[in-house]
Amino acid sequence: MSVEVSIIVPCYNCQDTIKECYNSIKQSINSVLSYEIILINDGSTDSSGIICQEFAEYDNRCRYFEKENGG
């Protein structure tokens, strides 16, 4: 897969806003044929990680990574 656009979204305790953010990105970039959304969980303590994992499981253009909180 050749990717034209990569969008990186850092996530930290964003369970209340991540769905709106994700949907907004998909609507805005819909005209680009080849894109990926990279969600990076920076050690969230809420359910942000679970929500992001669900996006990645449902959409093959979405990738999910976890890391320890970097401050």
Protein backbone atom coordinates (compact mmCIF):
# COMPACT_ATOMS: atom_id res chain seq x y z
CA MET A 1 0.00 0.00 0.00
CA SER A 2 1.39 3.35 -1.01
CA VAL A 3 0.44 6.06 1.49
CA GLU A 4 0.09 9.65 0.28
CA VAL A 5 -0.91 11.21 3.61
CA SER A 6 -0.23 10.16 7.20
CA ILE A 7 -2.08 11.83 10.04
CA ILE A 8 -0.62 11.31 13.50
CA VAL A 9 -2.97 11.81 16.44
CA PRO A 10 -1.44 11.79 19.94
CA CYS A 11 -3.99 10.59 22.48
CA TYR A 12 -3.97 11.16 26.22
CA ASN A 13 -7.16 10.79 28.26
CA CYS A 14 -9.31 11.82 25.33
CA GLN A 15 -12.17 9.35 25.61
CA ASP A 16 -14.73 12.16 25.41
CA THR A 17 -13.35 13.68 22.20
CA ILE A 18 -11.47 11.00 20.25
CA LYS A 19 -14.51 9.74 18.32
CA GLU A 20 -15.35 13.24 17.12
CA CYS A 21 -11.70 13.83 16.19
CA TYR A 22 -11.43 10.54 14.29
CA ASN A 23 -14.67 11.10 12.37
CA SER A 24 -13.66 14.67 11.54
CA ILE A 25 -10.34 13.50 10.12
CA LYS A 26 -12.03 10.86 7.99
CA GLN A 27 -14.52 13.37 6.59
CA SER A 28 -11.82 15.96 5.88
CA ILE A 29 -9.42 13.59 4.17
CA ASN A 30 -11.99 11.47 2.35
CA SER A 31 -10.91 12.87 -1.04
CA VAL A 32 -7.36 11.55 -0.62
CA LEU A 33 -7.19 8.07 -2.09
CA SER A 34 -4.37 6.75 0.04
CA TYR A 35 -4.07 7.82 3.66
CA GLU A 36 -3.46 6.43 7.10
CA ILE A 37 -4.43 7.62 10.55
CA ILE A 38 -1.90 6.80 13.25
CA LEU A 39 -3.27 6.93 16.80
CA ILE A 40 -0.64 7.02 19.54
CA ASN A 41 -1.84 6.45 23.09
CA ASP A 42 0.54 8.29 25.43
CA GLY A 43 -0.24 6.31 28.60
CA SER A 44 -3.92 7.25 28.97
CA THR A 45 -5.62 6.23 32.19
CA ASP A 46 -9.15 6.35 30.74
CA SER A 47 -10.68 4.24 27.96
CA SER A 48 -8.99 6.17 25.13
CA GLY A 49 -6.81 3.18 24.27
CA ILE A 50 -9.76 0.81 23.96
CA ILE A 51 -11.60 3.23 21.69
CA CYS A 52 -8.51 3.71 19.49
CA GLN A 53 -7.98 -0.06 19.26
CA GLU A 54 -11.55 -0.44 18.04
CA PHE A 55 -10.90 2.10 15.28
CA ALA A 56 -7.80 0.17 14.19
CA GLU A 57 -9.66 -3.15 14.18
CA TYR A 58 -12.50 -1.72 12.08
CA ASP A 59 -10.52 0.41 9.61
CA ASN A 60 -7.39 -0.99 7.92
CA ARG A 61 -6.22 2.59 7.22
CA CYS A 62 -5.94 3.21 10.96
CA ARG A 63 -2.95 2.07 13.03
CA TYR A 64 -2.72 2.09 16.81
CA PHE A 65 0.33 2.31 19.06
CA GLU A 66 0.79 2.54 22.82
CA LYS A 67 3.67 4.08 24.74
CA GLU A 68 4.37 5.05 28.32
CA ASN A 69 3.41 8.58 29.21
CA GLY A 70 6.15 10.90 28.04
CA GLY A 71 4.93 14.01 29.82
